[in-house]
Amino acid sequence: MKATILHNPRCSKSREALALLREAGVEVSVVEYLKHPPTRDELARLYARAGIAPRDGLRRDAPPVTDDDAALDLMVRDPVTIERPLVETERGVRLGRPPAAIREIL
């Protein structure tokens, strides 16, 4: 199985999720999203696949937004506002909060 993780190596939850993927024997593509931010279209696609609203993909300390379009705009403008980790496999996409949530798509 292959997975892609939007990862921040400074985040303990992101590191836990990455370790969980590796322990499961998953071939992982790591995208450090602060260095290589996803596009607005990519974020919209990921949240749609996850079945969550883009607003639900914002960090709790992000500035308030009025709607999902504003949330996507904010994430593209300031990637630090993206809640992490976000993991995609062929079985779906999950926000790894808690990291164990990604087991649903393994």
PDB file of N, CA and C in Angstrom:
ATOM      1  N   MET A   1       0.848  -1.183   0.000  1.00  0.00           N
ATOM      2  CA  MET A   1       0.000   0.000   0.000  1.00  0.00           C
ATOM      3  C   MET A   1       0.886   1.236   0.000  1.00  0.00           C
ATOM      4  N   LYS A   2       0.397   2.293  -0.634  1.00  0.00           N
ATOM      5  CA  LYS A   2       1.088   3.574  -0.690  1.00  0.00           C
ATOM      6  C   LYS A   2       0.251   4.637   0.013  1.00  0.00           C
ATOM      7  N   ALA A   3       0.950   5.600   0.592  1.00  0.00           N
ATOM      8  CA  ALA A   3       0.272   6.716   1.261  1.00  0.00           C
ATOM      9  C   ALA A   3       1.076   7.982   1.030  1.00  0.00           C
ATOM     10  N   THR A   4       0.363   9.092   1.076  1.00  0.00           N
ATOM     11  CA  THR A   4       0.987  10.412   1.062  1.00  0.00           C
ATOM     12  C   THR A   4       0.569  11.101   2.346  1.00  0.00           C
ATOM     13  N   ILE A   5       1.533  11.712   2.999  1.00  0.00           N
ATOM     14  CA  ILE A   5       1.242  12.437   4.234  1.00  0.00           C
ATOM     15  C   ILE A   5       1.688  13.885   4.083  1.00  0.00           C
ATOM     16  N   LEU A   6       0.770  14.816   4.381  1.00  0.00           N
ATOM     17  CA  LEU A   6       1.130  16.222   4.515  1.00  0.00           C
ATOM     18  C   LEU A   6       1.668  16.343   5.936  1.00  0.00           C
ATOM     19  N   HIS A   7       2.949  16.567   6.042  1.00  0.00           N
ATOM     20  CA  HIS A   7       3.691  16.356   7.280  1.00  0.00           C
ATOM     21  C   HIS A   7       4.428  17.612   7.727  1.00  0.00           C
ATOM     22  N   ASN A   8       4.466  17.810   9.034  1.00  0.00           N
ATOM     23  CA  ASN A   8       5.302  18.826   9.649  1.00  0.00           C
ATOM     24  C   ASN A   8       6.177  18.089  10.658  1.00  0.00           C
ATOM     25  N   PRO A   9       7.475  17.963  10.396  1.00  0.00           N
ATOM     26  CA  PRO A   9       8.338  17.195  11.292  1.00  0.00           C
ATOM     27  C   PRO A   9       8.437  17.764  12.701  1.00  0.00           C
ATOM     28  N   ARG A  10       8.019  19.004  12.900  1.00  0.00           N
ATOM     29  CA  ARG A  10       8.041  19.605  14.237  1.00  0.00           C
ATOM     30  C   ARG A  10       6.795  19.257  15.053  1.00  0.00           C
ATOM     31  N   CYS A  11       5.817  18.614  14.440  1.00  0.00           N
ATOM     32  CA  CYS A  11       4.545  18.288  15.098  1.00  0.00           C
ATOM     33  C   CYS A  11       4.563  16.849  15.609  1.00  0.00           C
ATOM     34  N   SER A  12       4.300  16.666  16.885  1.00  0.00           N
ATOM     35  CA  SER A  12       4.334  15.316  17.465  1.00  0.00           C
ATOM     36  C   SER A  12       3.261  14.416  16.858  1.00  0.00           C
ATOM     37  N   LYS A  13       2.078  14.943  16.604  1.00  0.00           N
ATOM     38  CA  LYS A  13       1.003  14.124  16.019  1.00  0.00           C
ATOM     39  C   LYS A  13       1.374  13.695  14.604  1.00  0.00           C
ATOM     40  N   SER A  14       2.010  14.586  13.863  1.00  0.00           N
ATOM     41  CA  SER A  14       2.441  14.257  12.512  1.00  0.00           C
ATOM     42  C   SER A  14       3.532  13.184  12.556  1.00  0.00           C
ATOM     43  N   ARG A  15       4.469  13.307  13.486  1.00  0.00           N
ATOM     44  CA  ARG A  15       5.514  12.288  13.629  1.00  0.00           C
ATOM     45  C   ARG A  15       4.925  10.950  14.032  1.00  0.00           C
ATOM     46  N   GLU A  16       3.925  10.961  14.920  1.00  0.00           N
ATOM     47  CA  GLU A  16       3.252   9.722  15.332  1.00  0.00           C
ATOM     48  C   GLU A  16       2.561   9.060  14.144  1.00  0.00           C
ATOM     49  N   ALA A  17       1.875   9.850  13.347  1.00  0.00           N
ATOM     50  CA  ALA A  17       1.180   9.303  12.180  1.00  0.00           C
ATOM     51  C   ALA A  17       2.173   8.708  11.188  1.00  0.00           C
ATOM     52  N   LEU A  18       3.274   9.377  10.951  1.00  0.00           N
ATOM     53  CA  LEU A  18       4.292   8.873  10.040  1.00  0.00           C
ATOM     54  C   LEU A  18       4.869   7.566  10.567  1.00  0.00           C
ATOM     55  N   ALA A  19       5.145   7.489  11.857  1.00  0.00           N
ATOM     56  CA  ALA A  19       5.642   6.246  12.456  1.00  0.00           C
ATOM     57  C   ALA A  19       4.618   5.128  12.316  1.00  0.00           C
ATOM     58  N   LEU A  20       3.345   5.438  12.527  1.00  0.00           N
ATOM     59  CA  LEU A  20       2.281   4.441  12.388  1.00  0.00           C
ATOM     60  C   LEU A  20       2.250   3.892  10.960  1.00  0.00           C
ATOM     61  N   LEU A  21       2.359   4.777   9.978  1.00  0.00           N
ATOM     62  CA  LEU A  21       2.362   4.341   8.579  1.00  0.00           C
ATOM     63  C   LEU A  21       3.554   3.428   8.299  1.00  0.00           C
ATOM     64  N   ARG A  22       4.711   3.827   8.763  1.00  0.00           N
ATOM     65  CA  ARG A  22       5.919   3.028   8.515  1.00  0.00           C
ATOM     66  C   ARG A  22       5.857   1.684   9.227  1.00  0.00           C
ATOM     67  N   GLU A  23       5.346   1.675  10.448  1.00  0.00           N
ATOM     68  CA  GLU A  23       5.204   0.417  11.198  1.00  0.00           C
ATOM     69  C   GLU A  23       4.232  -0.529  10.504  1.00  0.00           C
ATOM     70  N   ALA A  24       3.265   0.027   9.794  1.00  0.00           N
ATOM     71  CA  ALA A  24       2.284  -0.792   9.066  1.00  0.00           C
ATOM     72  C   ALA A  24       2.839  -1.276   7.730  1.00  0.00           C
ATOM     73  N   GLY A  25       4.066  -0.882   7.405  1.00  0.00           N
ATOM     74  CA  GLY A  25       4.687  -1.326   6.163  1.00  0.00           C
ATOM     75  C   GLY A  25       4.218  -0.580   4.933  1.00  0.00           C
ATOM     76  N   VAL A  26       3.671   0.599   5.136  1.00  0.00           N
ATOM     77  CA  VAL A  26       3.148   1.400   4.039  1.00  0.00           C
ATOM     78  C   VAL A  26       4.308   2.141   3.367  1.00  0.00           C
ATOM     79  N   GLU A  27       4.284   2.199   2.040  1.00  0.00           N
ATOM     80  CA  GLU A  27       5.241   3.008   1.293  1.00  0.00           C
ATOM     81  C   GLU A  27       4.757   4.448   1.355  1.00  0.00           C
ATOM     82  N   VAL A  28       5.522   5.304   2.028  1.00  0.00           N
ATOM     83  CA  VAL A  28       5.049   6.650   2.341  1.00  0.00           C
ATOM     84  C   VAL A  28       5.788   7.709   1.526  1.00  0.00           C
ATOM     85  N   SER A  29       5.009   8.574   0.908  1.00  0.00           N
ATOM     86  CA  SER A  29       5.534   9.784   0.281  1.00  0.00           C
ATOM     87  C   SER A  29       5.280  10.919   1.262  1.00  0.00           C
ATOM     88  N   VAL A  30       6.349  11.540   1.735  1.00  0.00           N
ATOM     89  CA  VAL A  30       6.245  12.595   2.746  1.00  0.00           C
ATOM     90  C   VAL A  30       6.319  13.954   2.055  1.00  0.00           C
ATOM     91  N   VAL A  31       5.293  14.763   2.276  1.00  0.00           N
ATOM     92  CA  VAL A  31       5.261  16.121   1.736  1.00  0.00           C
ATOM     93  C   VAL A  31       5.312  17.081   2.919  1.00  0.00           C
ATOM     94  N   GLU A  32       6.436  17.762   3.062  1.00  0.00           N
ATOM     95  CA  GLU A  32       6.534  18.780   4.107  1.00  0.00           C
ATOM     96  C   GLU A  32       5.795  20.015   3.585  1.00  0.00           C
ATOM     97  N   TYR A  33       4.551  20.123   3.989  1.00  0.00           N
ATOM     98  CA  TYR A  33       3.647  21.107   3.382  1.00  0.00           C
ATOM     99  C   TYR A  33       4.028  22.553   3.665  1.00  0.00           C
ATOM    100  N   LEU A  34       4.866  22.787   4.669  1.00  0.00           N
ATOM    101  CA  LEU A  34       5.313  24.163   4.894  1.00  0.00           C
ATOM    102  C   LEU A  34       6.373  24.563   3.872  1.00  0.00           C
ATOM    103  N   LYS A  35       7.130  23.581   3.379  1.00  0.00           N
ATOM    104  CA  LYS A  35       8.136  23.833   2.345  1.00  0.00           C
ATOM    105  C   LYS A  35       7.539  23.733   0.945  1.00  0.00           C
ATOM    106  N   HIS A  36       6.561  22.846   0.791  1.00  0.00           N
ATOM    107  CA  HIS A  36       5.926  22.584  -0.504  1.00  0.00           C
ATOM    108  C   HIS A  36       4.412  22.612  -0.310  1.00  0.00           C
ATOM    109  N   PRO A  37       3.831  23.790  -0.185  1.00  0.00           N
ATOM    110  CA  PRO A  37       2.396  23.899   0.112  1.00  0.00           C
ATOM    111  C   PRO A  37       1.524  23.318  -1.001  1.00  0.00           C
ATOM    112  N   PRO A  38       0.436  22.656  -0.611  1.00  0.00           N
ATOM    113  CA  PRO A  38      -0.514  22.170  -1.611  1.00  0.00           C
ATOM    114  C   PRO A  38      -1.272  23.330  -2.245  1.00  0.00           C
ATOM    115  N   THR A  39      -1.778  23.090  -3.429  1.00  0.00           N
ATOM    116  CA  THR A  39      -2.586  24.104  -4.096  1.00  0.00           C
ATOM    117  C   THR A  39      -3.986  24.122  -3.495  1.00  0.00           C
ATOM    118  N   ARG A  40      -4.720  25.156  -3.815  1.00  0.00           N
ATOM    119  CA  ARG A  40      -6.110  25.268  -3.368  1.00  0.00           C
ATOM    120  C   ARG A  40      -6.922  24.092  -3.888  1.00  0.00           C
ATOM    121  N   ASP A  41      -6.729  23.745  -5.171  1.00  0.00           N
ATOM    122  CA  ASP A  41      -7.467  22.622  -5.758  1.00  0.00           C
ATOM    123  C   ASP A  41      -7.118  21.307  -5.075  1.00  0.00           C
ATOM    124  N   GLU A  42      -5.841  21.123  -4.751  1.00  0.00           N
ATOM    125  CA  GLU A  42      -5.422  19.894  -4.078  1.00  0.00           C
ATOM    126  C   GLU A  42      -6.037  19.805  -2.689  1.00  0.00           C
ATOM    127  N   LEU A  43      -6.030  20.891  -1.956  1.00  0.00           N
ATOM    128  CA  LEU A  43      -6.655  20.890  -0.632  1.00  0.00           C
ATOM    129  C   LEU A  43      -8.154  20.591  -0.735  1.00  0.00           C
ATOM    130  N   ALA A  44      -8.830  21.226  -1.670  1.00  0.00           N
ATOM    131  CA  ALA A  44     -10.270  20.987  -1.849  1.00  0.00           C
ATOM    132  C   ALA A  44     -10.529  19.516  -2.163  1.00  0.00           C
ATOM    133  N   ARG A  45      -9.697  18.941  -3.012  1.00  0.00           N
ATOM    134  CA  ARG A  45      -9.848  17.524  -3.371  1.00  0.00           C
ATOM    135  C   ARG A  45      -9.641  16.624  -2.153  1.00  0.00           C
ATOM    136  N   LEU A  46      -8.605  16.912  -1.376  1.00  0.00           N
ATOM    137  CA  LEU A  46      -8.312  16.087  -0.202  1.00  0.00           C
ATOM    138  C   LEU A  46      -9.443  16.148   0.821  1.00  0.00           C
ATOM    139  N   TYR A  47      -9.932  17.342   1.107  1.00  0.00           N
ATOM    140  CA  TYR A  47     -11.011  17.456   2.091  1.00  0.00           C
ATOM    141  C   TYR A  47     -12.301  16.819   1.576  1.00  0.00           C
ATOM    142  N   ALA A  48     -12.564  16.931   0.290  1.00  0.00           N
ATOM    143  CA  ALA A  48     -13.745  16.266  -0.275  1.00  0.00           C
ATOM    144  C   ALA A  48     -13.624  14.750  -0.115  1.00  0.00           C
ATOM    145  N   ARG A  49     -12.441  14.210  -0.413  1.00  0.00           N
ATOM    146  CA  ARG A  49     -12.230  12.761  -0.247  1.00  0.00           C
ATOM    147  C   ARG A  49     -12.336  12.338   1.202  1.00  0.00           C
ATOM    148  N   ALA A  50     -11.933  13.220   2.106  1.00  0.00           N
ATOM    149  CA  ALA A  50     -12.009  12.915   3.538  1.00  0.00           C
ATOM    150  C   ALA A  50     -13.434  13.038   4.073  1.00  0.00           C
ATOM    151  N   GLY A  51     -14.294  13.719   3.297  1.00  0.00           N
ATOM    152  CA  GLY A  51     -15.668  13.922   3.738  1.00  0.00           C
ATOM    153  C   GLY A  51     -15.784  14.980   4.823  1.00  0.00           C
ATOM    154  N   ILE A  52     -14.833  15.921   4.828  1.00  0.00           N
ATOM    155  CA  ILE A  52     -14.901  16.993   5.820  1.00  0.00           C
ATOM    156  C   ILE A  52     -14.853  18.347   5.112  1.00  0.00           C
ATOM    157  N   ALA A  53     -15.392  19.331   5.766  1.00  0.00           N
ATOM    158  CA  ALA A  53     -15.374  20.688   5.230  1.00  0.00           C
ATOM    159  C   ALA A  53     -13.970  21.265   5.393  1.00  0.00           C
ATOM    160  N   PRO A  54     -13.509  22.058   4.448  1.00  0.00           N
ATOM    161  CA  PRO A  54     -12.204  22.689   4.595  1.00  0.00           C
ATOM    162  C   PRO A  54     -12.040  23.439   5.923  1.00  0.00           C
ATOM    163  N   ARG A  55     -13.102  24.050   6.411  1.00  0.00           N
ATOM    164  CA  ARG A  55     -13.014  24.741   7.716  1.00  0.00           C
ATOM    165  C   ARG A  55     -12.586  23.787   8.823  1.00  0.00           C
ATOM    166  N   ASP A  56     -12.981  22.498   8.678  1.00  0.00           N
ATOM    167  CA  ASP A  56     -12.595  21.504   9.683  1.00  0.00           C
ATOM    168  C   ASP A  56     -11.136  21.099   9.542  1.00  0.00           C
ATOM    169  N   GLY A  57     -10.484  21.539   8.471  1.00  0.00           N
ATOM    170  CA  GLY A  57      -9.071  21.264   8.262  1.00  0.00           C
ATOM    171  C   GLY A  57      -8.172  22.390   8.716  1.00  0.00           C
ATOM    172  N   LEU A  58      -8.747  23.394   9.343  1.00  0.00           N
ATOM    173  CA  LEU A  58      -7.949  24.503   9.875  1.00  0.00           C
ATOM    174  C   LEU A  58      -7.500  24.201  11.305  1.00  0.00           C
ATOM    175  N   ARG A  59      -6.334  24.660  11.637  1.00  0.00           N
ATOM    176  CA  ARG A  59      -5.872  24.559  13.022  1.00  0.00           C
ATOM    177  C   ARG A  59      -6.793  25.391  13.917  1.00  0.00           C
ATOM    178  N   ARG A  60      -6.904  24.984  15.149  1.00  0.00           N
ATOM    179  CA  ARG A  60      -7.796  25.690  16.082  1.00  0.00           C
ATOM    180  C   ARG A  60      -7.387  27.138  16.315  1.00  0.00           C
ATOM    181  N   ASP A  61      -6.085  27.409  16.207  1.00  0.00           N
ATOM    182  CA  ASP A  61      -5.617  28.770  16.459  1.00  0.00           C
ATOM    183  C   ASP A  61      -5.558  29.627  15.196  1.00  0.00           C
ATOM    184  N   ALA A  62      -6.105  29.100  14.089  1.00  0.00           N
ATOM    185  CA  ALA A  62      -6.154  29.870  12.838  1.00  0.00           C
ATOM    186  C   ALA A  62      -7.156  31.013  12.977  1.00  0.00           C
ATOM    187  N   PRO A  63      -6.949  32.078  12.227  1.00  0.00           N
ATOM    188  CA  PRO A  63      -7.930  33.163  12.251  1.00  0.00           C
ATOM    189  C   PRO A  63      -9.314  32.657  11.819  1.00  0.00           C
ATOM    190  N   PRO A  64     -10.371  33.215  12.368  1.00  0.00           N
ATOM    191  CA  PRO A  64     -11.715  32.776  11.990  1.00  0.00           C
ATOM    192  C   PRO A  64     -12.007  33.076  10.520  1.00  0.00           C
ATOM    193  N   VAL A  65     -12.775  32.177   9.899  1.00  0.00           N
ATOM    194  CA  VAL A  65     -13.182  32.358   8.508  1.00  0.00           C
ATOM    195  C   VAL A  65     -14.698  32.253   8.419  1.00  0.00           C
ATOM    196  N   THR A  66     -15.243  32.786   7.332  1.00  0.00           N
ATOM    197  CA  THR A  66     -16.688  32.811   7.178  1.00  0.00           C
ATOM    198  C   THR A  66     -17.244  31.594   6.454  1.00  0.00           C
ATOM    199  N   ASP A  67     -16.421  30.961   5.609  1.00  0.00           N
ATOM    200  CA  ASP A  67     -16.911  29.811   4.846  1.00  0.00           C
ATOM    201  C   ASP A  67     -15.741  28.972   4.352  1.00  0.00           C
ATOM    202  N   ASP A  68     -16.061  27.901   3.635  1.00  0.00           N
ATOM    203  CA  ASP A  68     -15.027  26.977   3.164  1.00  0.00           C
ATOM    204  C   ASP A  68     -14.100  27.601   2.131  1.00  0.00           C
ATOM    205  N   ASP A  69     -14.621  28.469   1.286  1.00  0.00           N
ATOM    206  CA  ASP A  69     -13.757  29.147   0.317  1.00  0.00           C
ATOM    207  C   ASP A  69     -12.725  30.009   1.038  1.00  0.00           C
ATOM    208  N   ALA A  70     -13.153  30.707   2.061  1.00  0.00           N
ATOM    209  CA  ALA A  70     -12.233  31.532   2.832  1.00  0.00           C
ATOM    210  C   ALA A  70     -11.203  30.661   3.558  1.00  0.00           C
ATOM    211  N   ALA A  71     -11.629  29.487   4.021  1.00  0.00           N
ATOM    212  CA  ALA A  71     -10.696  28.566   4.678  1.00  0.00           C
ATOM    213  C   ALA A  71      -9.621  28.108   3.705  1.00  0.00           C
ATOM    214  N   LEU A  72     -10.013  27.728   2.500  1.00  0.00           N
ATOM    215  CA  LEU A  72      -9.036  27.295   1.491  1.00  0.00           C
ATOM    216  C   LEU A  72      -8.092  28.438   1.125  1.00  0.00           C
ATOM    217  N   ASP A  73      -8.635  29.625   0.961  1.00  0.00           N
ATOM    218  CA  ASP A  73      -7.805  30.782   0.642  1.00  0.00           C
ATOM    219  C   ASP A  73      -6.769  31.025   1.740  1.00  0.00           C
ATOM    220  N   LEU A  74      -7.197  30.930   2.988  1.00  0.00           N
ATOM    221  CA  LEU A  74      -6.297  31.131   4.116  1.00  0.00           C
ATOM    222  C   LEU A  74      -5.196  30.068   4.130  1.00  0.00           C
ATOM    223  N   MET A  75      -5.564  28.810   3.924  1.00  0.00           N
ATOM    224  CA  MET A  75      -4.574  27.730   3.943  1.00  0.00           C
ATOM    225  C   MET A  75      -3.526  27.898   2.852  1.00  0.00           C
ATOM    226  N   VAL A  76      -3.957  28.347   1.684  1.00  0.00           N
ATOM    227  CA  VAL A  76      -3.014  28.561   0.580  1.00  0.00           C
ATOM    228  C   VAL A  76      -2.101  29.749   0.890  1.00  0.00           C
ATOM    229  N   ARG A  77      -2.672  30.791   1.440  1.00  0.00           N
ATOM    230  CA  ARG A  77      -1.913  31.997   1.766  1.00  0.00           C
ATOM    231  C   ARG A  77      -0.951  31.756   2.934  1.00  0.00           C
ATOM    232  N   ASP A  78      -1.399  30.935   3.904  1.00  0.00           N
ATOM    233  CA  ASP A  78      -0.614  30.701   5.118  1.00  0.00           C
ATOM    234  C   ASP A  78      -0.708  29.217   5.501  1.00  0.00           C
ATOM    235  N   PRO A  79       0.122  28.365   4.893  1.00  0.00           N
ATOM    236  CA  PRO A  79       0.026  26.920   5.108  1.00  0.00           C
ATOM    237  C   PRO A  79       0.148  26.474   6.565  1.00  0.00           C
ATOM    238  N   VAL A  80       0.705  27.306   7.423  1.00  0.00           N
ATOM    239  CA  VAL A  80       0.802  26.924   8.824  1.00  0.00           C
ATOM    240  C   VAL A  80      -0.586  26.735   9.448  1.00  0.00           C
ATOM    241  N   THR A  81      -1.630  27.268   8.810  1.00  0.00           N
ATOM    242  CA  THR A  81      -2.996  27.126   9.330  1.00  0.00           C
ATOM    243  C   THR A  81      -3.619  25.776   9.004  1.00  0.00           C
ATOM    244  N   ILE A  82      -2.944  24.960   8.192  1.00  0.00           N
ATOM    245  CA  ILE A  82      -3.459  23.628   7.837  1.00  0.00           C
ATOM    246  C   ILE A  82      -3.258  22.686   9.017  1.00  0.00           C
ATOM    247  N   GLU A  83      -4.342  22.058   9.466  1.00  0.00           N
ATOM    248  CA  GLU A  83      -4.230  21.051  10.523  1.00  0.00           C
ATOM    249  C   GLU A  83      -3.519  19.839   9.949  1.00  0.00           C
ATOM    250  N   ARG A  84      -2.669  19.246  10.729  1.00  0.00           N
ATOM    251  CA  ARG A  84      -1.893  18.107  10.267  1.00  0.00           C
ATOM    252  C   ARG A  84      -1.956  16.996  11.289  1.00  0.00           C
ATOM    253  N   PRO A  85      -1.606  15.828  10.833  1.00  0.00           N
ATOM    254  CA  PRO A  85      -1.234  15.412   9.478  1.00  0.00           C
ATOM    255  C   PRO A  85      -2.469  15.053   8.662  1.00  0.00           C
ATOM    256  N   LEU A  86      -2.360  15.190   7.384  1.00  0.00           N
ATOM    257  CA  LEU A  86      -3.403  14.792   6.449  1.00  0.00           C
ATOM    258  C   LEU A  86      -2.818  13.646   5.627  1.00  0.00           C
ATOM    259  N   VAL A  87      -3.471  12.495   5.652  1.00  0.00           N
ATOM    260  CA  VAL A  87      -2.945  11.281   5.019  1.00  0.00           C
ATOM    261  C   VAL A  87      -3.919  10.785   3.968  1.00  0.00           C
ATOM    262  N   GLU A  88      -3.369  10.430   2.806  1.00  0.00           N
ATOM    263  CA  GLU A  88      -4.173   9.885   1.714  1.00  0.00           C
ATOM    264  C   GLU A  88      -3.621   8.529   1.296  1.00  0.00           C
ATOM    265  N   THR A  89      -4.520   7.562   1.140  1.00  0.00           N
ATOM    266  CA  THR A  89      -4.213   6.264   0.541  1.00  0.00           C
ATOM    267  C   THR A  89      -5.275   6.008  -0.521  1.00  0.00           C
ATOM    268  N   GLU A  90      -5.159   4.893  -1.205  1.00  0.00           N
ATOM    269  CA  GLU A  90      -6.195   4.578  -2.189  1.00  0.00           C
ATOM    270  C   GLU A  90      -7.551   4.320  -1.528  1.00  0.00           C
ATOM    271  N   ARG A  91      -7.563   4.109  -0.216  1.00  0.00           N
ATOM    272  CA  ARG A  91      -8.811   3.852   0.508  1.00  0.00           C
ATOM    273  C   ARG A  91      -9.465   5.117   1.050  1.00  0.00           C
ATOM    274  N   GLY A  92      -8.799   6.273   0.915  1.00  0.00           N
ATOM    275  CA  GLY A  92      -9.405   7.512   1.377  1.00  0.00           C
ATOM    276  C   GLY A  92      -8.398   8.487   1.942  1.00  0.00           C
ATOM    277  N   VAL A  93      -8.926   9.504   2.611  1.00  0.00           N
ATOM    278  CA  VAL A  93      -8.125  10.548   3.234  1.00  0.00           C
ATOM    279  C   VAL A  93      -8.618  10.717   4.665  1.00  0.00           C
ATOM    280  N   ARG A  94      -7.663  10.872   5.581  1.00  0.00           N
ATOM    281  CA  ARG A  94      -8.022  11.132   6.974  1.00  0.00           C
ATOM    282  C   ARG A  94      -7.113  12.205   7.542  1.00  0.00           C
ATOM    283  N   LEU A  95      -7.693  13.004   8.396  1.00  0.00           N
ATOM    284  CA  LEU A  95      -6.944  13.946   9.200  1.00  0.00           C
ATOM    285  C   LEU A  95      -6.477  13.159  10.416  1.00  0.00           C
ATOM    286  N   GLY A  96      -5.192  13.101  10.634  1.00  0.00           N
ATOM    287  CA  GLY A  96      -4.632  12.274  11.699  1.00  0.00           C
ATOM    288  C   GLY A  96      -4.680  12.897  13.067  1.00  0.00           C
ATOM    289  N   ARG A  97      -5.819  13.336  13.470  1.00  0.00           N
ATOM    290  CA  ARG A  97      -6.047  13.862  14.810  1.00  0.00           C
ATOM    291  C   ARG A  97      -7.189  13.081  15.425  1.00  0.00           C
ATOM    292  N   PRO A  98      -6.962  12.066  16.183  1.00  0.00           N
ATOM    293  CA  PRO A  98      -5.684  11.528  16.613  1.00  0.00           C
ATOM    294  C   PRO A  98      -5.031  10.703  15.498  1.00  0.00           C
ATOM    295  N   PRO A  99      -3.731  10.448  15.623  1.00  0.00           N
ATOM    296  CA  PRO A  99      -3.038   9.681  14.581  1.00  0.00           C
ATOM    297  C   PRO A  99      -3.671   8.329  14.285  1.00  0.00           C
ATOM    298  N   ALA A 100      -4.261   7.696  15.277  1.00  0.00           N
ATOM    299  CA  ALA A 100      -4.887   6.392  15.070  1.00  0.00           C
ATOM    300  C   ALA A 100      -6.015   6.441  14.037  1.00  0.00           C
ATOM    301  N   ALA A 101      -6.556   7.618  13.764  1.00  0.00           N
ATOM    302  CA  ALA A 101      -7.645   7.752  12.786  1.00  0.00           C
ATOM    303  C   ALA A 101      -7.219   7.308  11.399  1.00  0.00           C
ATOM    304  N   ILE A 102      -5.921   7.350  11.123  1.00  0.00           N
ATOM    305  CA  ILE A 102      -5.484   6.955   9.773  1.00  0.00           C
ATOM    306  C   ILE A 102      -5.565   5.446   9.564  1.00  0.00           C
ATOM    307  N   ARG A 103      -5.701   4.687  10.642  1.00  0.00           N
ATOM    308  CA  ARG A 103      -5.857   3.220  10.488  1.00  0.00           C
ATOM    309  C   ARG A 103      -7.095   2.885   9.661  1.00  0.00           C
ATOM    310  N   GLU A 104      -8.083   3.760   9.667  1.00  0.00           N
ATOM    311  CA  GLU A 104      -9.313   3.529   8.895  1.00  0.00           C
ATOM    312  C   GLU A 104      -9.054   3.427   7.409  1.00  0.00           C
ATOM    313  N   ILE A 105      -7.958   3.987   6.912  1.00  0.00           N
ATOM    314  CA  ILE A 105      -7.689   3.974   5.474  1.00  0.00           C
ATOM    315  C   ILE A 105      -6.499   3.086   5.104  1.00  0.00           C
ATOM    316  N   LEU A 106      -6.063   2.271   6.056  1.00  0.00           N
ATOM    317  CA  LEU A 106      -4.958   1.345   5.775  1.00  0.00           C
ATOM    318  C   LEU A 106      -5.501  -0.016   5.382  1.00  0.00           C
TER     319      LEU A 106
END
